[in-house]
């Protein structure tokens, strides 16, 4: 059975794109923290790990690029244009669903441990 979030009503496309841009920025920020932490210890790691560090930095840059792209789309969205994000909100992480839907989650606030959404967690063995 779908939760109320997944039966969402049509919403402003500008609002939905703005939330997606904020989520991409959230990902960038968390990846930047990881990149900075890895950068502090990189001289103590084997040289083979440098390729992994470079991929982590590339992910950070890609998340930032996506945030900028979505922000520009939100700015250009025509007033009165709407869509229903219900199906798109069928994601595994409850906090991410909350951020993207514009609701608040009372289940988890720790950035290090997301809580699975009730719909998806219910289907796990």
C-alpha atoms as a PDB file:
ATOM      1  CA  UNK A   1       0.000   0.000   0.000  1.00  0.00           C
ATOM      2  CA  UNK A   2       1.278   3.490  -0.855  1.00  0.00           C
ATOM      3  CA  UNK A   3       1.769   6.074   1.858  1.00  0.00           C
ATOM      4  CA  UNK A   4       0.151   9.514   1.745  1.00  0.00           C
ATOM      5  CA  UNK A   5       3.435  10.936   0.422  1.00  0.00           C
ATOM      6  CA  UNK A   6       3.203   8.735  -2.647  1.00  0.00           C
ATOM      7  CA  UNK A   7      -0.362   9.921  -3.321  1.00  0.00           C
ATOM      8  CA  UNK A   8       0.799  13.531  -3.395  1.00  0.00           C
ATOM      9  CA  UNK A   9      -1.288  16.118  -5.184  1.00  0.00           C
ATOM     10  CA  UNK A  10       0.087  18.116  -8.098  1.00  0.00           C
ATOM     11  CA  UNK A  11       2.525  20.758  -6.928  1.00  0.00           C
ATOM     12  CA  UNK A  12       4.347  23.684  -8.483  1.00  0.00           C
ATOM     13  CA  UNK A  13       7.103  22.461 -10.785  1.00  0.00           C
ATOM     14  CA  UNK A  14       9.258  25.329  -9.514  1.00  0.00           C
ATOM     15  CA  UNK A  15       8.847  24.068  -5.937  1.00  0.00           C
ATOM     16  CA  UNK A  16       9.605  20.470  -6.866  1.00  0.00           C
ATOM     17  CA  UNK A  17      12.701  21.447  -8.846  1.00  0.00           C
ATOM     18  CA  UNK A  18      13.850  23.699  -6.001  1.00  0.00           C
ATOM     19  CA  UNK A  19      13.570  20.786  -3.563  1.00  0.00           C
ATOM     20  CA  UNK A  20      15.515  18.549  -5.969  1.00  0.00           C
ATOM     21  CA  UNK A  21      18.202  21.250  -6.261  1.00  0.00           C
ATOM     22  CA  UNK A  22      18.391  21.504  -2.468  1.00  0.00           C
ATOM     23  CA  UNK A  23      18.741  17.720  -2.258  1.00  0.00           C
ATOM     24  CA  UNK A  24      21.575  17.755  -4.794  1.00  0.00           C
ATOM     25  CA  UNK A  25      23.237  20.522  -2.766  1.00  0.00           C
ATOM     26  CA  UNK A  26      22.766  18.406   0.373  1.00  0.00           C
ATOM     27  CA  UNK A  27      24.563  15.533  -1.391  1.00  0.00           C
ATOM     28  CA  UNK A  28      27.336  17.881  -2.492  1.00  0.00           C
ATOM     29  CA  UNK A  29      27.796  19.161   1.056  1.00  0.00           C
ATOM     30  CA  UNK A  30      28.035  15.640   2.516  1.00  0.00           C
ATOM     31  CA  UNK A  31      30.472  14.604  -0.235  1.00  0.00           C
ATOM     32  CA  UNK A  32      32.532  17.751   0.398  1.00  0.00           C
ATOM     33  CA  UNK A  33      32.813  16.755   4.069  1.00  0.00           C
ATOM     34  CA  UNK A  34      33.949  13.271   3.021  1.00  0.00           C
ATOM     35  CA  UNK A  35      36.388  14.725   0.491  1.00  0.00           C
ATOM     36  CA  UNK A  36      37.873  17.052   3.116  1.00  0.00           C
ATOM     37  CA  UNK A  37      38.245  14.224   5.648  1.00  0.00           C
ATOM     38  CA  UNK A  38      39.900  11.986   3.069  1.00  0.00           C
ATOM     39  CA  UNK A  39      42.142  14.838   1.975  1.00  0.00           C
ATOM     40  CA  UNK A  40      43.475  15.200   5.502  1.00  0.00           C
ATOM     41  CA  UNK A  41      44.669  11.603   5.612  1.00  0.00           C
ATOM     42  CA  UNK A  42      45.593  10.995   1.985  1.00  0.00           C
ATOM     43  CA  UNK A  43      49.363  11.183   2.612  1.00  0.00           C
ATOM     44  CA  UNK A  44      49.015   8.216   4.991  1.00  0.00           C
ATOM     45  CA  UNK A  45      47.210   6.074   2.425  1.00  0.00           C
ATOM     46  CA  UNK A  46      48.660   3.886  -0.315  1.00  0.00           C
ATOM     47  CA  UNK A  47      48.939   5.504  -3.737  1.00  0.00           C
ATOM     48  CA  UNK A  48      46.294   3.141  -5.119  1.00  0.00           C
ATOM     49  CA  UNK A  49      43.756   4.873  -2.893  1.00  0.00           C
ATOM     50  CA  UNK A  50      44.347   8.206  -4.675  1.00  0.00           C
ATOM     51  CA  UNK A  51      42.189   7.051  -7.609  1.00  0.00           C
ATOM     52  CA  UNK A  52      39.354   6.377  -5.159  1.00  0.00           C
ATOM     53  CA  UNK A  53      39.825   9.842  -3.638  1.00  0.00           C
ATOM     54  CA  UNK A  54      39.679  11.404  -7.097  1.00  0.00           C
ATOM     55  CA  UNK A  55      36.413   9.569  -7.832  1.00  0.00           C
ATOM     56  CA  UNK A  56      34.958  10.832  -4.546  1.00  0.00           C
ATOM     57  CA  UNK A  57      35.935  14.382  -5.526  1.00  0.00           C
ATOM     58  CA  UNK A  58      34.372  13.896  -8.968  1.00  0.00           C
ATOM     59  CA  UNK A  59      31.128  12.762  -7.314  1.00  0.00           C
ATOM     60  CA  UNK A  60      31.156  15.923  -5.205  1.00  0.00           C
ATOM     61  CA  UNK A  61      31.644  18.068  -8.303  1.00  0.00           C
ATOM     62  CA  UNK A  62      28.880  16.217 -10.171  1.00  0.00           C
ATOM     63  CA  UNK A  63      26.451  16.698  -7.268  1.00  0.00           C
ATOM     64  CA  UNK A  64      27.272  20.408  -7.253  1.00  0.00           C
ATOM     65  CA  UNK A  65      26.734  20.595 -11.032  1.00  0.00           C
ATOM     66  CA  UNK A  66      23.379  18.839 -10.666  1.00  0.00           C
ATOM     67  CA  UNK A  67      22.362  21.279  -7.928  1.00  0.00           C
ATOM     68  CA  UNK A  68      23.175  24.231 -10.189  1.00  0.00           C
ATOM     69  CA  UNK A  69      21.348  22.641 -13.134  1.00  0.00           C
ATOM     70  CA  UNK A  70      18.206  21.987 -11.091  1.00  0.00           C
ATOM     71  CA  UNK A  71      18.337  25.474  -9.566  1.00  0.00           C
ATOM     72  CA  UNK A  72      18.403  27.021 -13.053  1.00  0.00           C
ATOM     73  CA  UNK A  73      15.502  24.815 -14.170  1.00  0.00           C
ATOM     74  CA  UNK A  74      13.514  25.882 -11.095  1.00  0.00           C
ATOM     75  CA  UNK A  75      14.220  29.539 -11.842  1.00  0.00           C
ATOM     76  CA  UNK A  76      12.999  29.103 -15.424  1.00  0.00           C
ATOM     77  CA  UNK A  77       9.909  27.007 -14.614  1.00  0.00           C
ATOM     78  CA  UNK A  78       6.813  28.708 -15.961  1.00  0.00           C
ATOM     79  CA  UNK A  79       4.411  29.994 -13.305  1.00  0.00           C
ATOM     80  CA  UNK A  80       1.387  27.746 -13.008  1.00  0.00           C
ATOM     81  CA  UNK A  81       3.225  24.669 -14.287  1.00  0.00           C
ATOM     82  CA  UNK A  82       2.727  21.713 -12.001  1.00  0.00           C
ATOM     83  CA  UNK A  83       3.352  18.001 -11.763  1.00  0.00           C
ATOM     84  CA  UNK A  84       2.622  15.221  -9.314  1.00  0.00           C
ATOM     85  CA  UNK A  85       5.800  13.937  -7.617  1.00  0.00           C
ATOM     86  CA  UNK A  86       4.035  10.983  -5.981  1.00  0.00           C
ATOM     87  CA  UNK A  87       5.565   8.168  -8.037  1.00  0.00           C
ATOM     88  CA  UNK A  88       9.001   9.814  -7.997  1.00  0.00           C
ATOM     89  CA  UNK A  89       8.932   9.839  -4.176  1.00  0.00           C
ATOM     90  CA  UNK A  90       9.082   6.044  -3.992  1.00  0.00           C
ATOM     91  CA  UNK A  91      12.609   6.113  -2.612  1.00  0.00           C
ATOM     92  CA  UNK A  92      14.286   3.903   0.005  1.00  0.00           C
ATOM     93  CA  UNK A  93      15.416   6.623   2.451  1.00  0.00           C
ATOM     94  CA  UNK A  94      12.777   8.289   4.634  1.00  0.00           C
ATOM     95  CA  UNK A  95      14.815  11.452   5.283  1.00  0.00           C
ATOM     96  CA  UNK A  96      15.369  11.934   1.554  1.00  0.00           C
ATOM     97  CA  UNK A  97      11.647  11.457   0.892  1.00  0.00           C
ATOM     98  CA  UNK A  98      10.907  14.070   3.558  1.00  0.00           C
ATOM     99  CA  UNK A  99      13.345  16.587   2.101  1.00  0.00           C
ATOM    100  CA  UNK A 100      12.110  16.095  -1.455  1.00  0.00           C
ATOM    101  CA  UNK A 101       8.434  16.201  -0.489  1.00  0.00           C
ATOM    102  CA  UNK A 102       8.833  19.275   1.698  1.00  0.00           C
ATOM    103  CA  UNK A 103       7.677  17.485   4.854  1.00  0.00           C
ATOM    104  CA  UNK A 104       9.602  16.959   8.057  1.00  0.00           C
ATOM    105  CA  UNK A 105      10.630  13.573   9.323  1.00  0.00           C
ATOM    106  CA  UNK A 106      10.268  12.803  12.997  1.00  0.00           C
ATOM    107  CA  UNK A 107      11.921   9.402  12.540  1.00  0.00           C
ATOM    108  CA  UNK A 108      15.573  10.324  12.076  1.00  0.00           C
ATOM    109  CA  UNK A 109      17.669  13.432  12.256  1.00  0.00           C
ATOM    110  CA  UNK A 110      21.112  11.846  12.287  1.00  0.00           C
ATOM    111  CA  UNK A 111      22.821  12.541   8.954  1.00  0.00           C
ATOM    112  CA  UNK A 112      24.807   9.351   9.314  1.00  0.00           C
ATOM    113  CA  UNK A 113      21.901   6.922   9.452  1.00  0.00           C
ATOM    114  CA  UNK A 114      18.872   7.246   7.234  1.00  0.00           C
ATOM    115  CA  UNK A 115      15.676   5.403   8.041  1.00  0.00           C
ATOM    116  CA  UNK A 116      14.035   3.328   5.324  1.00  0.00           C
ATOM    117  CA  UNK A 117      10.597   4.512   4.289  1.00  0.00           C
ATOM    118  CA  UNK A 118       7.752   2.462   5.750  1.00  0.00           C
ATOM    119  CA  UNK A 119       6.544   1.323   2.329  1.00  0.00           C
ATOM    120  CA  UNK A 120       9.885  -0.034   1.222  1.00  0.00           C
ATOM    121  CA  UNK A 121      11.021  -1.359   4.611  1.00  0.00           C
ATOM    122  CA  UNK A 122       7.767  -3.301   4.872  1.00  0.00           C
ATOM    123  CA  UNK A 123       8.668  -5.203   1.730  1.00  0.00           C
ATOM    124  CA  UNK A 124      12.099  -6.303   2.949  1.00  0.00           C
ATOM    125  CA  UNK A 125      12.681  -9.865   4.225  1.00  0.00           C
END
